[in-house]
């Protein structure tokens, strides 16, 4: 039987999204069984920390 997934809401900003995912289980919104690996061959490390 296929699990019905909830729709991910639209967020006004990144902070709102962060609070949402801290309080909700992602398995209710995403099918982690269909996730695929991604290769980023041209990605280079940064020398600056991100704040």
N, C-alpha and C. Protein backbone atom coordinates (compact mmCIF):
# COMPACT_ATOMS: atom_id res chain seq x y z
N UNK A 1 0.83 -1.18 0.00
CA UNK A 1 0.00 0.00 0.00
C UNK A 1 0.88 1.25 0.00
N UNK A 2 0.53 2.18 -0.81
CA UNK A 2 1.31 3.41 -0.96
C UNK A 2 0.92 4.42 0.10
N UNK A 3 1.92 5.03 0.72
CA UNK A 3 1.68 6.02 1.78
C UNK A 3 1.36 7.38 1.15
N UNK A 4 0.29 8.01 1.61
CA UNK A 4 -0.06 9.34 1.13
C UNK A 4 0.84 10.37 1.81
N UNK A 5 1.47 11.21 1.02
CA UNK A 5 2.38 12.22 1.54
C UNK A 5 1.69 13.56 1.66
N UNK A 6 2.06 14.30 2.68
CA UNK A 6 1.53 15.65 2.87
C UNK A 6 2.24 16.62 1.93
N UNK A 7 1.60 17.72 1.60
CA UNK A 7 2.19 18.75 0.75
C UNK A 7 3.10 19.64 1.58
N UNK A 8 4.30 19.92 1.08
CA UNK A 8 5.23 20.80 1.77
C UNK A 8 4.72 22.23 1.63
N UNK A 9 4.57 22.96 2.74
CA UNK A 9 4.06 24.33 2.66
C UNK A 9 5.08 25.29 2.03
N UNK A 10 4.58 26.43 1.60
CA UNK A 10 5.44 27.49 1.07
C UNK A 10 5.88 28.36 2.24
N UNK A 11 7.17 28.63 2.32
CA UNK A 11 7.72 29.39 3.43
C UNK A 11 8.07 30.81 3.00
N UNK A 12 7.89 31.76 3.91
CA UNK A 12 8.19 33.16 3.62
C UNK A 12 9.69 33.43 3.65
N UNK A 13 10.41 32.67 4.49
CA UNK A 13 11.87 32.86 4.57
C UNK A 13 12.52 31.58 5.12
N UNK A 14 13.81 31.57 5.14
CA UNK A 14 14.55 30.38 5.56
C UNK A 14 14.36 30.07 7.04
N UNK A 15 14.21 31.10 7.86
CA UNK A 15 14.00 30.89 9.29
C UNK A 15 12.68 30.17 9.54
N UNK A 16 11.65 30.57 8.84
CA UNK A 16 10.35 29.91 8.96
C UNK A 16 10.44 28.44 8.54
N UNK A 17 11.18 28.18 7.48
CA UNK A 17 11.37 26.80 7.02
C UNK A 17 12.13 25.97 8.05
N UNK A 18 13.16 26.55 8.63
CA UNK A 18 13.97 25.86 9.63
C UNK A 18 13.12 25.47 10.85
N UNK A 19 12.30 26.39 11.32
CA UNK A 19 11.42 26.12 12.46
C UNK A 19 10.44 24.99 12.11
N UNK A 20 9.91 25.02 10.89
CA UNK A 20 8.98 23.99 10.46
C UNK A 20 9.63 22.61 10.50
N UNK A 21 10.82 22.46 9.91
CA UNK A 21 11.45 21.14 9.85
C UNK A 21 11.96 20.68 11.21
N UNK A 22 12.20 21.61 12.12
CA UNK A 22 12.60 21.22 13.48
C UNK A 22 11.43 20.61 14.25
N UNK A 23 10.21 20.93 13.83
CA UNK A 23 9.03 20.48 14.57
C UNK A 23 8.18 19.47 13.79
N UNK A 24 8.59 19.08 12.60
CA UNK A 24 7.83 18.13 11.79
C UNK A 24 8.74 17.00 11.29
N UNK A 25 8.16 15.84 11.07
CA UNK A 25 8.89 14.68 10.58
C UNK A 25 8.89 14.68 9.05
N UNK A 26 10.08 14.66 8.45
CA UNK A 26 10.19 14.74 6.99
C UNK A 26 9.63 13.51 6.30
N UNK A 27 9.51 12.38 6.99
CA UNK A 27 8.98 11.18 6.35
C UNK A 27 7.49 11.31 6.02
N UNK A 28 6.82 12.30 6.60
CA UNK A 28 5.42 12.55 6.26
C UNK A 28 5.30 13.37 4.97
N UNK A 29 6.41 13.95 4.51
CA UNK A 29 6.39 14.85 3.36
C UNK A 29 7.22 14.35 2.18
N UNK A 30 8.21 13.52 2.44
CA UNK A 30 9.12 13.04 1.40
C UNK A 30 9.19 11.52 1.40
N UNK A 31 9.32 10.94 0.21
CA UNK A 31 9.50 9.50 0.10
C UNK A 31 11.01 9.24 -0.01
N UNK A 32 11.62 8.96 1.13
CA UNK A 32 13.07 8.78 1.18
C UNK A 32 13.52 7.53 0.43
N UNK A 33 12.63 6.66 0.06
CA UNK A 33 12.98 5.47 -0.71
C UNK A 33 13.31 5.78 -2.16
N UNK A 34 12.92 6.97 -2.63
CA UNK A 34 13.17 7.35 -4.02
C UNK A 34 14.34 8.32 -4.17
N UNK A 35 15.06 8.57 -3.09
CA UNK A 35 16.18 9.52 -3.13
C UNK A 35 17.33 8.94 -3.94
N UNK A 36 17.96 9.78 -4.75
CA UNK A 36 19.10 9.37 -5.57
C UNK A 36 20.33 10.16 -5.15
N UNK A 37 21.49 9.52 -5.26
CA UNK A 37 22.75 10.21 -4.96
C UNK A 37 23.06 11.22 -6.05
N UNK A 38 23.72 12.30 -5.67
CA UNK A 38 24.10 13.34 -6.61
C UNK A 38 25.61 13.52 -6.55
N UNK A 39 26.23 13.64 -7.70
CA UNK A 39 27.67 13.87 -7.78
C UNK A 39 27.87 15.29 -8.31
N UNK A 40 28.68 16.08 -7.60
CA UNK A 40 28.97 17.46 -8.01
C UNK A 40 30.48 17.57 -8.26
N UNK A 41 30.93 17.16 -9.45
CA UNK A 41 32.36 17.09 -9.73
C UNK A 41 33.07 18.45 -9.78
N UNK A 42 32.36 19.52 -10.06
CA UNK A 42 32.99 20.83 -10.19
C UNK A 42 32.88 21.67 -8.92
N UNK A 43 32.39 21.09 -7.85
CA UNK A 43 32.24 21.81 -6.59
C UNK A 43 33.61 21.95 -5.93
N UNK A 44 33.95 23.18 -5.57
CA UNK A 44 35.26 23.45 -4.97
C UNK A 44 35.07 23.92 -3.54
N UNK A 45 35.97 23.51 -2.65
CA UNK A 45 35.86 23.97 -1.26
C UNK A 45 36.08 25.46 -1.15
N UNK A 46 35.44 26.07 -0.18
CA UNK A 46 35.58 27.49 0.04
C UNK A 46 36.64 27.75 1.10
N UNK A 47 37.22 28.93 1.06
CA UNK A 47 38.20 29.31 2.08
C UNK A 47 37.57 30.24 3.10
N UNK A 48 36.31 30.62 2.85
CA UNK A 48 35.58 31.53 3.75
C UNK A 48 34.50 30.75 4.49
N UNK A 49 34.39 30.93 5.80
CA UNK A 49 33.30 30.28 6.52
C UNK A 49 31.97 30.95 6.16
N UNK A 50 30.90 30.18 6.17
CA UNK A 50 29.59 30.75 5.88
C UNK A 50 28.87 31.01 7.20
N UNK A 51 28.46 32.22 7.40
CA UNK A 51 27.75 32.60 8.62
C UNK A 51 26.36 33.02 8.30
